[in-house]
């Protein structure tokens, strides 16, 4: 296909060019067999997913970098203490309340790295200054979440990721070359803003480019990349000092920016914006040059018919997203499901367990924090990889039900072990057994979370939101996720001080409510096109 053969060369392009690497001559295309076309289709979609997955890797790297430095510096300064039952002292509670950066997707235990203690020493930071440094990330992420939907609607998914990458790079540079806390604060705000946009845009882009039979697996790569970013952050932090680690934090987005110029824009976004020739060209390269895309083209056009009728009026397209649209059942129901899953993801208390994981591992005799953290990180990556393999085979609902049920049982095990530990002697054999039992519960909890409640809420959110309200609804759902992440992070230390067993019991009850919510409200989206999923809510 020569660029001028079908008029594509004269078309208006979105914020970033849809890519020219896929232009082929008709002779080359005609020589491709059907099996080769399928193989090329998979390779092209996978290449796009791997490029945008650099964003979630950046996300995981960013979150783990701060959490490790904060906990280690608090310990080094001497503000962290534990009583005989492993309860945090009052000052540590205050520090952790102020640490608002923990994200559900960054499920990792809060162990520290000796290489990070230099940060507070080099910049002469107080505990309150370092705590504010962390909280600004969450503030920036909330702002990014609010803006993410509208940005991705106006300039496209690729343009949105470009907007997210630039402040991330600037933020890391500010931290790396910081001479005082002002540059740390500015860098953390910029990083948070970028992460807020990434958390919404990446799953949406993947869902919109993936074929229906691979959408679950490719969509779960988002969460898998976050866990890889977390693990990389910790492993690299074992060997390099904090300023050089901050420089390394630039790499994912530094590679992402040029990569965006070599992947096509989301065909569904192009169709919504009325760029029909670019839409078909983008879809053709994603499906393979010998693949008949006429049925999929028809479905996407039909879903965008109201937008296409006003394609000559730019203002009509831009103003198509309004709050009054949410009154319709076909809009409020998928939005409610998306928000519900992302909120229950947080209410499961995964961050609360993470807060306490240090004590739990120590009570079982695991004295090496580095070994425990790396071990949990590896388990998380493996479990998420298994979920990526299973999601298109078993379906979303079954994994969510298994995941939330497994989390509930795991939390009951942890809660019971803490209840019993309060009534037995620390020198008894039973006390040691209960410590091991609590470790088993935590490991099973992390595995269960990674199998379903970690990756799938973001996947389903990106699948069920109708294209007309996706920008607005996606921003609202992402904001709810970040807000409840902050709420759980803030309340966990106080609740754990009140009663460890009681806190884990409450988290377990939330997981039971999640099971009921999934069973009643969440539809199965496996094997359906996005248009079929969205039409099912009418």
Protein backbone atom coordinates (compact mmCIF):
# COMPACT_ATOMS: atom_id res chain seq x y z
CA UNK A 1 0.00 0.00 0.00
CA UNK A 2 1.68 3.20 -1.12
CA UNK A 3 0.90 6.23 0.98
CA UNK A 4 -0.78 7.99 -1.86
CA UNK A 5 -2.79 5.02 -3.14
CA UNK A 6 -5.69 5.50 -0.75
CA UNK A 7 -5.30 9.14 0.10
CA UNK A 8 -3.86 8.58 3.53
CA UNK A 9 -0.93 10.89 2.91
CA UNK A 10 -3.26 13.93 2.74
CA UNK A 11 -5.10 13.20 5.98
CA UNK A 12 -4.90 15.31 9.12
CA UNK A 13 -2.85 13.46 11.73
CA UNK A 14 -3.43 13.34 15.49
CA UNK A 15 -0.95 14.73 18.04
CA UNK A 16 1.58 12.04 17.18
CA UNK A 17 1.87 10.47 13.74
CA UNK A 18 0.17 7.10 13.45
CA UNK A 19 3.44 5.57 12.29
CA UNK A 20 4.96 4.98 8.87
CA UNK A 21 6.88 1.80 9.54
CA UNK A 22 3.95 -0.38 8.50
CA UNK A 23 3.59 1.01 4.98
CA UNK A 24 4.07 -1.86 2.56
CA UNK A 25 3.65 -2.36 -1.14
CA UNK A 26 0.60 -4.24 -2.31
CA UNK A 27 2.88 -6.83 -3.89
CA UNK A 28 4.53 -7.57 -0.54
CA UNK A 29 1.16 -7.76 1.11
CA UNK A 30 -0.28 -10.15 -1.48
CA UNK A 31 2.62 -12.55 -1.03
CA UNK A 32 1.88 -13.04 2.65
CA UNK A 33 0.12 -16.25 3.60
CA UNK A 34 -2.70 -16.34 6.13
CA UNK A 35 -0.55 -17.91 8.83
CA UNK A 36 2.12 -15.26 8.31
CA UNK A 37 -0.54 -12.56 8.54
CA UNK A 38 -1.73 -13.90 11.87
CA UNK A 39 1.84 -14.07 13.10
CA UNK A 40 2.56 -10.50 11.95
CA UNK A 41 -0.65 -9.33 13.59
CA UNK A 42 0.36 -10.78 16.94
CA UNK A 43 3.86 -9.36 16.65
CA UNK A 44 2.65 -5.85 15.81
CA UNK A 45 0.13 -5.71 18.68
CA UNK A 46 2.64 -7.22 21.09
CA UNK A 47 5.25 -4.66 20.03
CA UNK A 48 2.80 -1.84 20.75
CA UNK A 49 1.96 -3.31 24.17
CA UNK A 50 5.62 -3.77 25.10
CA UNK A 51 6.37 -0.15 24.21
CA UNK A 52 3.53 1.36 26.24
CA UNK A 53 4.31 -1.10 29.08
CA UNK A 54 7.34 1.08 29.80
CA UNK A 55 4.85 3.45 31.42
CA UNK A 56 3.71 0.99 34.12
CA UNK A 57 7.34 -0.06 34.65
CA UNK A 58 8.05 3.62 35.35
CA UNK A 59 5.09 3.64 37.73
CA UNK A 60 6.28 0.65 39.74
CA UNK A 61 9.84 1.95 39.83
CA UNK A 62 8.67 5.35 41.09
CA UNK A 63 6.47 4.05 43.91
CA UNK A 64 8.95 1.49 45.23
CA UNK A 65 11.85 3.97 45.11
CA UNK A 66 10.19 6.29 47.61
CA UNK A 67 8.73 3.65 49.90
CA UNK A 68 12.09 2.02 50.34
CA UNK A 69 13.86 5.30 51.11
CA UNK A 70 11.18 6.46 53.53
CA UNK A 71 11.06 3.35 55.68
CA UNK A 72 14.82 3.02 55.79
CA UNK A 73 15.40 6.65 56.74
CA UNK A 74 12.75 6.50 59.44
CA UNK A 75 14.54 3.51 60.92
CA UNK A 76 17.95 5.14 60.65
CA UNK A 77 16.77 8.33 62.34
CA UNK A 78 15.43 6.24 65.18
CA UNK A 79 11.76 7.06 64.99
CA UNK A 80 10.53 3.53 64.39
CA UNK A 81 10.02 1.22 67.31
CA UNK A 82 7.97 -1.87 68.09
CA UNK A 83 6.49 -3.16 71.27
CA UNK A 84 6.42 -6.84 72.17
CA UNK A 85 3.53 -7.45 69.80
CA UNK A 86 5.12 -5.57 66.89
CA UNK A 87 2.85 -2.52 67.20
CA UNK A 88 4.25 0.67 65.69
CA UNK A 89 4.98 3.49 68.09
CA UNK A 90 3.13 6.79 67.85
CA UNK A 91 5.79 8.70 65.95
CA UNK A 92 6.12 6.00 63.33
CA UNK A 93 2.36 6.04 62.91
CA UNK A 94 2.48 9.75 62.15
CA UNK A 95 5.26 9.25 59.61
CA UNK A 96 3.38 6.50 57.83
CA UNK A 97 0.13 8.44 57.86
CA UNK A 98 1.96 11.18 56.01
CA UNK A 99 3.36 8.66 53.52
CA UNK A 100 0.55 8.75 50.98
CA UNK A 101 2.31 7.18 48.02
CA UNK A 102 1.45 3.52 48.36
CA UNK A 103 -0.57 2.30 45.36
CA UNK A 104 -2.48 -0.96 45.18
CA UNK A 105 -0.71 -1.87 41.96
CA UNK A 106 2.59 -1.59 43.85
CA UNK A 107 1.99 -4.48 46.24
CA UNK A 108 5.36 -4.83 47.94
CA UNK A 109 6.54 -5.14 51.54
CA UNK A 110 8.02 -2.04 53.12
CA UNK A 111 11.54 -3.25 53.76
CA UNK A 112 14.41 -0.81 53.43
CA UNK A 113 17.68 -0.71 51.52
CA UNK A 114 20.91 0.42 53.23
CA UNK A 115 21.92 2.28 50.07
CA UNK A 116 19.10 4.80 50.57
CA UNK A 117 19.96 6.18 54.02
CA UNK A 118 22.14 8.88 52.45
CA UNK A 119 19.13 10.82 51.13
CA UNK A 120 18.08 12.45 54.40
CA UNK A 121 21.72 12.85 55.42
CA UNK A 122 22.81 14.47 52.15
CA UNK A 123 19.95 16.98 52.08
CA UNK A 124 19.52 17.41 55.85
CA UNK A 125 15.83 16.51 55.69
CA UNK A 126 13.65 16.24 58.75
CA UNK A 127 11.14 13.43 59.05
CA UNK A 128 8.25 15.84 58.35
CA UNK A 129 9.99 17.17 55.22
CA UNK A 130 10.62 13.67 53.93
CA UNK A 131 7.02 12.68 54.68
CA UNK A 132 5.72 15.69 52.75
CA UNK A 133 8.04 14.69 49.91
CA UNK A 134 6.17 11.40 49.68
CA UNK A 135 2.68 12.82 50.04
CA UNK A 136 3.16 15.17 47.10
CA UNK A 137 3.30 12.18 44.76
CA UNK A 138 -0.24 11.26 45.67
CA UNK A 139 -1.37 14.86 45.23
CA UNK A 140 0.18 14.94 41.77
CA UNK A 141 -1.34 11.55 40.89
CA UNK A 142 -4.84 12.73 41.83
CA UNK A 143 -4.42 15.76 39.59
CA UNK A 144 -3.10 13.50 36.84
CA UNK A 145 -6.06 11.14 37.28
CA UNK A 146 -8.54 14.01 36.91
CA UNK A 147 -6.78 15.28 33.80
CA UNK A 148 -5.99 11.89 32.22
CA UNK A 149 -9.35 11.23 30.60
CA UNK A 150 -9.71 14.63 28.98
CA UNK A 151 -6.09 14.72 27.83
CA UNK A 152 -6.40 11.30 26.19
CA UNK A 153 -9.66 12.36 24.51
CA UNK A 154 -8.31 15.59 23.08
CA UNK A 155 -4.85 14.55 21.86
CA UNK A 156 -5.12 10.77 21.72
CA UNK A 157 -3.74 7.90 23.76
CA UNK A 158 -0.22 8.30 22.38
CA UNK A 159 -0.24 12.03 22.99
CA UNK A 160 -1.44 11.43 26.54
CA UNK A 161 1.46 9.06 27.22
CA UNK A 162 3.85 11.65 25.80
CA UNK A 163 2.42 14.23 28.20
CA UNK A 164 2.90 11.74 31.06
CA UNK A 165 6.48 10.84 30.11
CA UNK A 166 7.86 14.38 30.00
CA UNK A 167 7.04 15.38 33.62
CA UNK A 168 8.27 11.99 34.81
CA UNK A 169 11.67 12.63 33.24
CA UNK A 170 11.84 16.19 34.56
CA UNK A 171 10.75 14.99 37.99
CA UNK A 172 13.49 12.38 38.22
CA UNK A 173 16.08 14.93 37.10
CA UNK A 174 14.89 17.35 39.79
CA UNK A 175 15.29 14.65 42.44
CA UNK A 176 18.63 13.45 41.15
CA UNK A 177 20.20 16.93 41.16
CA UNK A 178 18.35 18.24 44.21
CA UNK A 179 20.31 20.43 46.59
CA UNK A 180 17.45 20.97 49.02
CA UNK A 181 13.88 19.87 49.65
CA UNK A 182 12.33 22.33 47.14
CA UNK A 183 13.63 20.37 44.15
CA UNK A 184 12.52 17.12 45.79
CA UNK A 185 9.01 18.50 46.20
CA UNK A 186 8.81 19.73 42.61
CA UNK A 187 10.15 16.44 41.26
CA UNK A 188 7.72 14.38 43.30
CA UNK A 189 4.73 16.42 42.16
CA UNK A 190 5.74 16.01 38.52
CA UNK A 191 6.26 12.27 38.92
CA UNK A 192 2.87 11.89 40.56
CA UNK A 193 1.16 13.81 37.77
CA UNK A 194 2.73 11.55 35.16
CA UNK A 195 1.86 8.39 37.08
CA UNK A 196 -1.78 9.50 37.41
CA UNK A 197 -2.05 9.80 33.62
CA UNK A 198 -0.21 6.54 32.97
CA UNK A 199 -2.48 4.57 35.34
CA UNK A 200 -5.50 5.39 33.15
CA UNK A 201 -4.10 5.70 29.63
CA UNK A 202 -2.07 2.50 29.32
CA UNK A 203 -4.88 -0.01 30.07
CA UNK A 204 -7.26 1.93 27.82
CA UNK A 205 -4.82 1.98 24.89
CA UNK A 206 -4.07 -1.73 25.23
CA UNK A 207 -7.77 -2.62 25.39
CA UNK A 208 -8.52 -0.56 22.29
CA UNK A 209 -5.79 -2.08 20.10
CA UNK A 210 -5.92 -5.72 21.23
CA UNK A 211 -7.91 -8.41 19.38
CA UNK A 212 -10.74 -9.81 21.45
CA UNK A 213 -9.07 -13.20 21.97
CA UNK A 214 -5.87 -11.63 23.36
CA UNK A 215 -7.23 -8.56 25.10
CA UNK A 216 -7.21 -10.07 28.59
CA UNK A 217 -3.62 -11.28 28.42
CA UNK A 218 -2.32 -8.11 26.80
CA UNK A 219 -4.30 -5.94 29.21
CA UNK A 220 -2.82 -7.77 32.19
CA UNK A 221 0.65 -6.85 30.95
CA UNK A 222 -0.09 -3.45 32.51
CA UNK A 223 -0.05 -4.88 36.04
CA UNK A 224 2.79 -7.27 35.22
CA UNK A 225 4.90 -4.31 34.16
CA UNK A 226 4.19 -2.52 37.44
CA UNK A 227 5.43 -5.50 39.44
CA UNK A 228 8.54 -5.73 37.26
CA UNK A 229 9.20 -2.03 37.85
CA UNK A 230 8.92 -2.54 41.60
CA UNK A 231 11.34 -5.45 41.56
CA UNK A 232 13.81 -3.61 39.34
CA UNK A 233 13.72 -0.60 41.63
CA UNK A 234 14.56 -2.66 44.66
CA UNK A 235 17.26 -4.78 43.01
CA UNK A 236 19.02 -1.76 41.52
CA UNK A 237 18.74 0.04 44.84
CA UNK A 238 20.81 -2.67 46.49
CA UNK A 239 23.83 -1.67 44.43
CA UNK A 240 23.65 2.04 43.60
CA UNK A 241 23.24 5.22 45.65
CA UNK A 242 20.03 7.23 45.55
CA UNK A 243 21.04 9.95 43.08
CA UNK A 244 22.18 7.46 40.45
CA UNK A 245 19.06 5.38 41.08
CA UNK A 246 16.99 8.50 40.36
CA UNK A 247 18.88 8.92 37.07
CA UNK A 248 18.06 5.31 36.19
CA UNK A 249 14.41 6.17 36.85
CA UNK A 250 14.47 8.29 33.71
CA UNK A 251 15.14 5.33 31.41
CA UNK A 252 11.62 3.84 31.01
CA UNK A 253 10.08 7.11 29.86
CA UNK A 254 13.20 8.08 27.93
CA UNK A 255 12.73 4.92 25.86
CA UNK A 256 8.94 5.33 25.75
CA UNK A 257 9.01 8.74 24.03
CA UNK A 258 10.73 7.67 20.77
CA UNK A 259 8.85 4.36 20.87
CA UNK A 260 5.54 6.22 20.65
CA UNK A 261 6.44 7.47 17.17
CA UNK A 262 6.65 3.90 15.86
CA UNK A 263 3.28 2.55 17.01
CA UNK A 264 -0.17 3.33 15.61
CA UNK A 265 -2.69 5.43 17.49
CA UNK A 266 -5.72 3.67 18.94
CA UNK A 267 -8.03 2.92 16.00
CA UNK A 268 -11.10 3.43 18.16
CA UNK A 269 -9.96 6.90 19.19
CA UNK A 270 -9.27 7.76 15.54
CA UNK A 271 -12.75 6.56 14.60
CA UNK A 272 -14.32 8.65 17.33
CA UNK A 273 -12.46 11.73 16.07
CA UNK A 274 -13.67 11.10 12.51
CA UNK A 275 -10.25 10.22 11.06
CA UNK A 276 -11.65 7.26 9.19
CA UNK A 277 -8.77 6.54 6.81
CA UNK A 278 -6.23 6.68 9.62
CA UNK A 279 -8.57 4.53 11.67
CA UNK A 280 -8.63 1.80 9.02
CA UNK A 281 -4.88 2.04 8.42
CA UNK A 282 -4.18 1.70 12.14
CA UNK A 283 -6.54 -1.25 12.51
CA UNK A 284 -5.11 -2.97 9.43
CA UNK A 285 -1.54 -2.95 10.71
CA UNK A 286 -2.66 -4.16 14.12
CA UNK A 287 -4.56 -7.09 12.61
CA UNK A 288 -2.19 -7.95 9.76
CA UNK A 289 -2.17 -6.83 6.14
CA UNK A 290 -3.91 -9.93 4.78
CA UNK A 291 -6.58 -9.92 7.50
CA UNK A 292 -10.12 -8.94 6.54
CA UNK A 293 -11.04 -6.17 8.96
CA UNK A 294 -14.35 -5.21 7.35
CA UNK A 295 -16.51 -6.70 10.14
CA UNK A 296 -14.51 -5.03 12.89
CA UNK A 297 -14.51 -1.74 10.97
CA UNK A 298 -18.29 -1.91 10.65
CA UNK A 299 -18.74 -2.60 14.38
CA UNK A 300 -16.49 0.27 15.42
CA UNK A 301 -18.16 2.67 12.99
CA UNK A 302 -21.60 1.66 14.24
CA UNK A 303 -20.54 2.29 17.83
CA UNK A 304 -19.36 5.77 16.83
CA UNK A 305 -22.26 6.64 14.56
CA UNK A 306 -23.43 9.59 16.67
CA UNK A 307 -19.93 11.02 16.66
CA UNK A 308 -19.40 10.34 12.96
CA UNK A 309 -22.59 12.20 12.05
CA UNK A 310 -21.05 15.30 13.56
CA UNK A 311 -17.55 14.68 12.28
CA UNK A 312 -17.45 18.01 10.44
CA UNK A 313 -18.13 19.93 13.64
CA UNK A 314 -15.10 19.68 15.87
CA UNK A 315 -16.82 21.35 18.77
CA UNK A 316 -19.60 18.75 18.68
CA UNK A 317 -17.12 15.94 19.02
CA UNK A 318 -15.25 17.64 21.81
CA UNK A 319 -18.39 18.40 23.82
CA UNK A 320 -19.84 14.91 23.47
CA UNK A 321 -18.76 14.03 27.01
CA UNK A 322 -21.14 15.48 29.59
CA UNK A 323 -22.16 14.62 33.15
CA UNK A 324 -25.81 14.35 32.10
CA UNK A 325 -24.89 11.37 29.91
CA UNK A 326 -24.24 9.40 33.10
CA UNK A 327 -27.98 9.37 33.88
CA UNK A 328 -28.51 6.70 31.23
CA UNK A 329 -28.26 3.08 32.42
CA UNK A 330 -25.87 2.19 29.62
CA UNK A 331 -23.48 4.77 31.05
CA UNK A 332 -23.94 4.78 34.83
CA UNK A 333 -23.94 0.99 35.18
CA UNK A 334 -20.51 0.35 33.59
CA UNK A 335 -19.15 3.38 35.44
CA UNK A 336 -20.48 2.01 38.73
CA UNK A 337 -18.91 -1.38 38.03
CA UNK A 338 -15.57 0.18 37.10
CA UNK A 339 -15.52 2.38 40.21
CA UNK A 340 -16.68 -0.50 42.41
CA UNK A 341 -13.87 -2.81 41.31
CA UNK A 342 -11.19 -0.14 41.70
CA UNK A 343 -12.52 0.85 45.15
CA UNK A 344 -12.78 -2.75 46.38
CA UNK A 345 -9.24 -3.28 45.10
CA UNK A 346 -8.17 -0.76 47.74
CA UNK A 347 -10.64 -1.77 50.47
CA UNK A 348 -9.18 -5.27 50.39
CA UNK A 349 -6.50 -3.74 52.61
CA UNK A 350 -3.51 -4.85 50.58
CA UNK A 351 -1.67 -1.70 51.65
CA UNK A 352 -2.52 -2.31 55.31
CA UNK A 353 -0.99 -5.77 55.15
CA UNK A 354 2.07 -4.31 53.45
CA UNK A 355 2.49 -1.89 56.33
CA UNK A 356 2.63 -4.82 58.75
CA UNK A 357 4.59 -7.27 56.59
CA UNK A 358 7.92 -6.26 58.13
CA UNK A 359 6.73 -7.36 61.58
CA UNK A 360 5.09 -10.48 60.26
CA UNK A 361 8.23 -11.73 58.54
CA UNK A 362 10.40 -10.89 61.55
CA UNK A 363 8.03 -12.77 63.87
CA UNK A 364 8.59 -15.87 61.73
CA UNK A 365 12.36 -15.59 62.13
CA UNK A 366 13.11 -14.07 58.71
CA UNK A 367 15.79 -11.58 59.70
CA UNK A 368 17.01 -10.61 56.22
CA UNK A 369 14.74 -7.85 54.95
CA UNK A 370 16.47 -7.86 51.55
CA UNK A 371 15.80 -11.56 51.02
CA UNK A 372 12.19 -11.25 52.15
CA UNK A 373 11.48 -8.25 49.92
CA UNK A 374 13.07 -9.78 46.83
CA UNK A 375 11.24 -13.03 47.52
CA UNK A 376 7.87 -11.33 47.77
CA UNK A 377 8.62 -9.28 44.65
CA UNK A 378 9.50 -12.39 42.66
CA UNK A 379 6.37 -14.16 43.87
CA UNK A 380 4.28 -11.19 42.82
CA UNK A 381 5.78 -11.09 39.33
CA UNK A 382 5.28 -14.85 38.86
CA UNK A 383 1.68 -14.77 40.13
CA UNK A 384 0.82 -11.82 37.88
CA UNK A 385 2.40 -13.62 34.91
CA UNK A 386 0.19 -16.63 35.67
CA UNK A 387 -2.86 -14.34 35.73
CA UNK A 388 -1.81 -12.92 32.36
CA UNK A 389 -1.76 -16.45 30.95
CA UNK A 390 -5.08 -17.48 32.54
CA UNK A 391 -7.29 -14.45 32.00
CA UNK A 392 -8.28 -15.28 28.40
CA UNK A 393 -8.69 -18.96 29.21
CA UNK A 394 -10.77 -18.90 32.40
CA UNK A 395 -12.37 -15.48 32.06
CA UNK A 396 -12.31 -12.34 34.18
CA UNK A 397 -15.14 -13.17 36.58
CA UNK A 398 -13.77 -16.51 37.73
CA UNK A 399 -10.34 -15.02 38.41
CA UNK A 400 -11.89 -12.14 40.34
CA UNK A 401 -14.00 -14.55 42.40
CA UNK A 402 -11.06 -16.86 43.09
CA UNK A 403 -8.80 -13.91 43.87
CA UNK A 404 -11.15 -12.14 46.29
CA UNK A 405 -12.12 -15.44 47.95
CA UNK A 406 -8.44 -16.37 48.36
CA UNK A 407 -7.70 -12.95 49.82
CA UNK A 408 -10.56 -13.30 52.30
CA UNK A 409 -9.30 -16.70 53.48
CA UNK A 410 -5.72 -15.46 53.68
CA UNK A 411 -6.75 -12.46 55.77
CA UNK A 412 -8.72 -14.73 58.11
CA UNK A 413 -5.58 -16.83 58.60
CA UNK A 414 -3.51 -13.73 59.40
CA UNK A 415 -6.20 -12.36 61.73
CA UNK A 416 -6.58 -15.64 63.64
CA UNK A 417 -2.82 -15.93 64.07
CA UNK A 418 -2.67 -12.46 65.59
CA UNK A 419 -5.64 -13.08 67.88
CA UNK A 420 -3.98 -16.26 69.19
CA UNK A 421 -0.51 -14.70 69.50
CA UNK A 422 -1.92 -12.23 71.98
CA UNK A 423 -2.82 -15.06 74.38
CA UNK A 424 0.32 -17.22 74.25
CA UNK A 425 3.84 -16.71 75.52
CA UNK A 426 6.45 -15.36 73.11
CA UNK A 427 8.82 -18.14 74.19
CA UNK A 428 6.38 -20.93 73.39
CA UNK A 429 6.56 -23.15 70.32
CA UNK A 430 3.00 -22.18 69.44
CA UNK A 431 4.03 -18.52 69.15
CA UNK A 432 6.62 -19.43 66.50
CA UNK A 433 4.12 -21.60 64.64
CA UNK A 434 1.62 -18.75 64.60
CA UNK A 435 4.33 -16.47 63.21
CA UNK A 436 4.94 -18.90 60.36
CA UNK A 437 1.18 -19.18 59.82
CA UNK A 438 0.88 -15.41 59.47
CA UNK A 439 3.69 -15.42 56.88
CA UNK A 440 1.87 -18.10 54.91
CA UNK A 441 -1.27 -15.97 55.06
CA UNK A 442 0.56 -12.89 53.77
CA UNK A 443 2.20 -14.79 50.90
CA UNK A 444 -1.15 -16.37 49.92
CA UNK A 445 -2.76 -12.93 50.11
CA UNK A 446 -0.20 -11.44 47.71
CA UNK A 447 -0.56 -14.38 45.33
CA UNK A 448 -4.35 -14.12 45.42
CA UNK A 449 -4.23 -10.37 44.84
CA UNK A 450 -1.86 -10.78 41.89
CA UNK A 451 -4.07 -13.44 40.28
CA UNK A 452 -7.13 -11.22 40.01
CA UNK A 453 -7.74 -8.10 42.08
CA UNK A 454 -4.42 -6.60 41.02
CA UNK A 455 -4.65 -6.63 37.21
CA UNK A 456 -8.30 -7.29 36.36
CA UNK A 457 -10.11 -4.21 37.77
CA UNK A 458 -8.03 -1.99 35.46
CA UNK A 459 -8.64 -4.38 32.58
CA UNK A 460 -12.42 -4.43 33.05
CA UNK A 461 -12.56 -0.66 33.52
CA UNK A 462 -10.88 -0.23 30.14
CA UNK A 463 -13.25 -2.72 28.50
CA UNK A 464 -16.71 -1.74 29.74
CA UNK A 465 -16.69 2.07 29.60
CA UNK A 466 -18.48 3.30 26.44
CA UNK A 467 -16.34 5.28 24.03
CA UNK A 468 -18.58 8.36 24.35
CA UNK A 469 -17.97 8.83 28.09
CA UNK A 470 -14.67 6.98 28.44
CA UNK A 471 -12.63 10.12 29.10
CA UNK A 472 -14.87 11.48 31.83
CA UNK A 473 -15.76 8.12 33.36
CA UNK A 474 -12.18 6.87 33.25
CA UNK A 475 -10.96 9.97 35.07
CA UNK A 476 -13.62 9.53 37.75
CA UNK A 477 -12.81 5.83 38.25
CA UNK A 478 -9.06 6.49 38.40
CA UNK A 479 -9.57 9.32 40.88
CA UNK A 480 -11.64 7.02 43.13
CA UNK A 481 -8.84 4.44 43.05
CA UNK A 482 -6.19 6.96 44.07
CA UNK A 483 -8.43 8.52 46.71
CA UNK A 484 -9.18 5.20 48.41
CA UNK A 485 -5.53 4.24 48.15
CA UNK A 486 -4.79 7.38 50.16
CA UNK A 487 -7.59 6.58 52.64
CA UNK A 488 -6.37 3.04 53.33
CA UNK A 489 -2.77 4.21 53.59
CA UNK A 490 -3.75 6.90 56.08
CA UNK A 491 -5.93 4.74 58.31
CA UNK A 492 -3.94 1.48 58.30
CA UNK A 493 -1.40 2.44 61.00
CA UNK A 494 -4.11 3.66 63.38
CA UNK A 495 -6.24 0.57 62.82
CA UNK A 496 -3.28 -1.76 63.28
CA UNK A 497 -2.44 -0.03 66.56
CA UNK A 498 -6.03 -0.46 67.70
CA UNK A 499 -6.13 -4.19 66.86
CA UNK A 500 -4.05 -6.12 64.36
CA UNK A 501 -6.46 -9.04 64.32
CA UNK A 502 -9.46 -6.74 64.09
CA UNK A 503 -7.96 -4.78 61.21
CA UNK A 504 -7.25 -7.89 59.17
CA UNK A 505 -10.74 -9.15 59.93
CA UNK A 506 -12.25 -5.96 58.51
CA UNK A 507 -10.14 -6.25 55.40
CA UNK A 508 -11.31 -9.85 55.07
CA UNK A 509 -14.94 -8.71 55.27
CA UNK A 510 -14.29 -6.23 52.46
CA UNK A 511 -13.00 -9.12 50.34
CA UNK A 512 -16.21 -11.04 51.05
CA UNK A 513 -18.21 -8.01 49.89
CA UNK A 514 -16.04 -8.00 46.77
CA UNK A 515 -17.04 -11.60 46.05
CA UNK A 516 -20.72 -10.61 46.27
CA UNK A 517 -20.19 -7.51 44.12
CA UNK A 518 -18.44 -9.49 41.39
CA UNK A 519 -21.02 -12.28 41.46
CA UNK A 520 -23.96 -9.85 41.16
CA UNK A 521 -22.74 -7.00 38.98
CA UNK A 522 -19.57 -7.75 37.03
CA UNK A 523 -20.18 -9.18 33.53
CA UNK A 524 -17.89 -11.63 31.77
CA UNK A 525 -16.04 -9.84 28.98
CA UNK A 526 -13.91 -12.74 27.74
CA UNK A 527 -14.08 -13.30 23.97
CA UNK A 528 -16.26 -10.24 23.24
CA UNK A 529 -15.39 -7.15 21.27
CA UNK A 530 -15.44 -3.82 23.10
CA UNK A 531 -18.54 -2.85 21.11
CA UNK A 532 -20.37 -6.04 22.13
CA UNK A 533 -19.48 -5.45 25.77
CA UNK A 534 -20.70 -1.86 25.71
CA UNK A 535 -23.89 -2.72 23.82
CA UNK A 536 -24.77 -5.28 26.49
CA UNK A 537 -25.49 -2.45 28.95
CA UNK A 538 -28.23 -0.95 26.78
